[in-house]
C-alpha atoms as a PDB file:
ATOM      1  CA  MET A   1       0.344   0.232   0.106  1.00  0.00           C
ATOM      2  CA  ILE A   2       1.208   3.580  -0.764  1.00  0.00           C
ATOM      3  CA  SER A   3       0.642   6.347   1.078  1.00  0.00           C
ATOM      4  CA  SER A   4      -0.560   9.637   0.898  1.00  0.00           C
ATOM      5  CA  GLU A   5       2.628  11.029   1.786  1.00  0.00           C
ATOM      6  CA  GLN A   6       4.964   9.272  -0.853  1.00  0.00           C
ATOM      7  CA  VAL A   7       1.954   9.650  -3.509  1.00  0.00           C
ATOM      8  CA  SER A   8       3.172  13.377  -3.832  1.00  0.00           C
ATOM      9  CA  SER A   9       6.636  12.417  -3.835  1.00  0.00           C
ATOM     10  CA  LEU A  10       6.440   9.659  -6.836  1.00  0.00           C
ATOM     11  CA  PHE A  11       3.667  12.037  -8.339  1.00  0.00           C
ATOM     12  CA  PRO A  12       4.368  15.430  -7.602  1.00  0.00           C
ATOM     13  CA  PHE A  13       1.344  16.749 -10.126  1.00  0.00           C
ATOM     14  CA  SER A  14      -1.066  14.343  -8.350  1.00  0.00           C
ATOM     15  CA  VAL A  15      -3.518  16.202  -6.152  1.00  0.00           C
ATOM     16  CA  GLN A  16      -5.556  14.823  -3.079  1.00  0.00           C
ATOM     17  CA  VAL A  17      -8.991  15.660  -2.544  1.00  0.00           C
ATOM     18  CA  ASP A  18     -11.064  14.724   0.937  1.00  0.00           C
ATOM     19  CA  SER A  19     -14.682  13.045   0.567  1.00  0.00           C
ATOM     20  CA  GLY A  20     -15.752  17.183   0.659  1.00  0.00           C
ATOM     21  CA  GLY A  21     -14.185  18.372  -2.434  1.00  0.00           C
ATOM     22  CA  SER A  22     -11.066  20.271  -0.469  1.00  0.00           C
ATOM     23  CA  ILE A  23      -7.196  19.811  -1.794  1.00  0.00           C
ATOM     24  CA  GLU A  24      -5.524  17.920   1.479  1.00  0.00           C
ATOM     25  CA  ARG A  25      -2.110  17.604  -0.386  1.00  0.00           C
ATOM     26  CA  LEU A  26      -0.100  18.196  -4.060  1.00  0.00           C
ATOM     27  CA  GLY A  27       2.670  16.843  -6.107  1.00  0.00           C
ATOM     28  CA  ARG A  28       5.479  18.919  -4.470  1.00  0.00           C
ATOM     29  CA  THR A  29       5.715  20.179  -8.097  1.00  0.00           C
ATOM     30  CA  LEU A  30       1.865  21.553  -8.044  1.00  0.00           C
ATOM     31  CA  GLU A  31       2.739  22.887  -3.710  1.00  0.00           C
ATOM     32  CA  ARG A  32       5.712  24.897  -6.141  1.00  0.00           C
ATOM     33  CA  ARG A  33       3.079  26.343  -8.640  1.00  0.00           C
ATOM     34  CA  LEU A  34       0.749  26.702  -6.568  1.00  0.00           C
ATOM     35  CA  PRO A  35       1.394  27.753  -2.829  1.00  0.00           C
ATOM     36  CA  ALA A  36      -1.752  28.204  -0.733  1.00  0.00           C
ATOM     37  CA  CYS A  37      -3.803  25.972  -2.117  1.00  0.00           C
ATOM     38  CA  VAL A  38      -4.342  23.201   0.593  1.00  0.00           C
ATOM     39  CA  GLY A  39      -7.481  23.868   1.703  1.00  0.00           C
ATOM     40  CA  ARG A  40      -9.179  25.127  -0.692  1.00  0.00           C
ATOM     41  CA  ARG A  41     -11.242  23.345  -2.948  1.00  0.00           C
ATOM     42  CA  LEU A  42     -10.660  21.831  -5.987  1.00  0.00           C
ATOM     43  CA  GLU A  43     -13.053  23.849  -8.686  1.00  0.00           C
ATOM     44  CA  ASP A  44     -12.274  27.220  -7.038  1.00  0.00           C
ATOM     45  CA  ILE A  45      -8.427  25.574  -8.534  1.00  0.00           C
ATOM     46  CA  PHE A  46      -9.100  24.183 -11.200  1.00  0.00           C
ATOM     47  CA  ASP A  47     -11.528  24.059 -14.038  1.00  0.00           C
ATOM     48  CA  ILE A  48     -12.806  20.040 -14.662  1.00  0.00           C
ATOM     49  CA  ARG A  49     -12.947  18.640 -17.895  1.00  0.00           C
ATOM     50  CA  ARG A  50     -14.437  15.190 -19.377  1.00  0.00           C
ATOM     51  CA  TRP A  51     -17.376  15.110 -21.159  1.00  0.00           C
ATOM     52  CA  THR A  52     -19.418  18.781 -22.275  1.00  0.00           C
ATOM     53  CA  ASP A  53     -20.018  19.709 -17.706  1.00  0.00           C
ATOM     54  CA  THR A  54     -17.897  20.699 -15.515  1.00  0.00           C
ATOM     55  CA  PRO A  55     -18.407  17.944 -12.420  1.00  0.00           C
ATOM     56  CA  ARG A  56     -20.399  18.896  -9.218  1.00  0.00           C
ATOM     57  CA  GLN A  57     -18.161  17.934  -6.460  1.00  0.00           C
ATOM     58  CA  GLU A  58     -21.266  14.797  -5.139  1.00  0.00           C
ATOM     59  CA  SER A  59     -20.136  13.588  -9.193  1.00  0.00           C
ATOM     60  CA  LEU A  60     -16.185  13.341  -8.350  1.00  0.00           C
ATOM     61  CA  GLU A  61     -16.986   9.496  -7.712  1.00  0.00           C
ATOM     62  CA  GLU A  62     -18.162   8.580 -10.874  1.00  0.00           C
ATOM     63  CA  TRP A  63     -15.169  10.116 -12.490  1.00  0.00           C
ATOM     64  CA  ILE A  64     -12.193   6.880 -10.746  1.00  0.00           C
ATOM     65  CA  ASP A  65      -9.951   5.752 -13.631  1.00  0.00           C
ATOM     66  CA  ARG A  66     -11.632   7.964 -16.229  1.00  0.00           C
ATOM     67  CA  PRO A  67      -9.477  10.164 -18.053  1.00  0.00           C
ATOM     68  CA  VAL A  68      -9.995  14.433 -16.677  1.00  0.00           C
ATOM     69  CA  LEU A  69      -8.585  17.574 -18.016  1.00  0.00           C
ATOM     70  CA  MET A  70      -7.818  19.956 -15.362  1.00  0.00           C
ATOM     71  CA  ARG A  71      -6.985  23.365 -16.129  1.00  0.00           C
ATOM     72  CA  VAL A  72      -5.872  25.418 -13.833  1.00  0.00           C
ATOM     73  CA  LYS A  73      -8.188  28.957 -13.794  1.00  0.00           C
ATOM     74  CA  SER A  74      -5.296  30.875 -12.659  1.00  0.00           C
ATOM     75  CA  GLU A  75      -4.276  33.422 -15.633  1.00  0.00           C
ATOM     76  CA  ALA A  76      -1.268  33.713 -14.048  1.00  0.00           C
ATOM     77  CA  ASP A  77      -0.436  30.674 -14.885  1.00  0.00           C
ATOM     78  CA  PRO A  78      -1.854  28.128 -18.017  1.00  0.00           C
ATOM     79  CA  LEU A  79      -0.990  24.498 -16.243  1.00  0.00           C
ATOM     80  CA  VAL A  80      -3.488  21.630 -17.982  1.00  0.00           C
ATOM     81  CA  LEU A  81      -3.374  18.520 -16.311  1.00  0.00           C
ATOM     82  CA  MET A  82      -4.285  15.275 -17.709  1.00  0.00           C
ATOM     83  CA  GLY A  83      -4.947  11.820 -16.093  1.00  0.00           C
ATOM     84  CA  ALA A  84      -7.875  10.520 -13.867  1.00  0.00           C
ATOM     85  CA  PHE A  85      -9.357  10.232 -10.619  1.00  0.00           C
ATOM     86  CA  SER A  86      -8.537   7.102  -8.023  1.00  0.00           C
ATOM     87  CA  GLU A  87      -8.840   6.789  -4.445  1.00  0.00           C
ATOM     88  CA  VAL A  88      -6.091   6.440  -1.894  1.00  0.00           C
ATOM     89  CA  GLU A  89      -6.112   5.022   1.697  1.00  0.00           C
ATOM     90  CA  GLU A  90      -4.608   6.401   3.883  1.00  0.00           C
ATOM     91  CA  GLY A  91      -1.946   4.882   5.367  1.00  0.00           C
END
């Protein structure tokens, strides 16, 4: 089993979100690029796209293991991430 701390170290562009939709931890590179984002809501920082709709927090579970694009909403940082949501157990 991999811990959330190891995820941050191994995946520098990872985003870990709690069950309420708040960012719990960022990978080491994202943490440098997006300071002060931990504790903020995911949708306040990222525009998330898969289909034609932006998901609501309650629908994020439906997106597990499906490809998504996440664009940073800040005009100062044109970063776009491609990946998938996965559940990670704390440990």
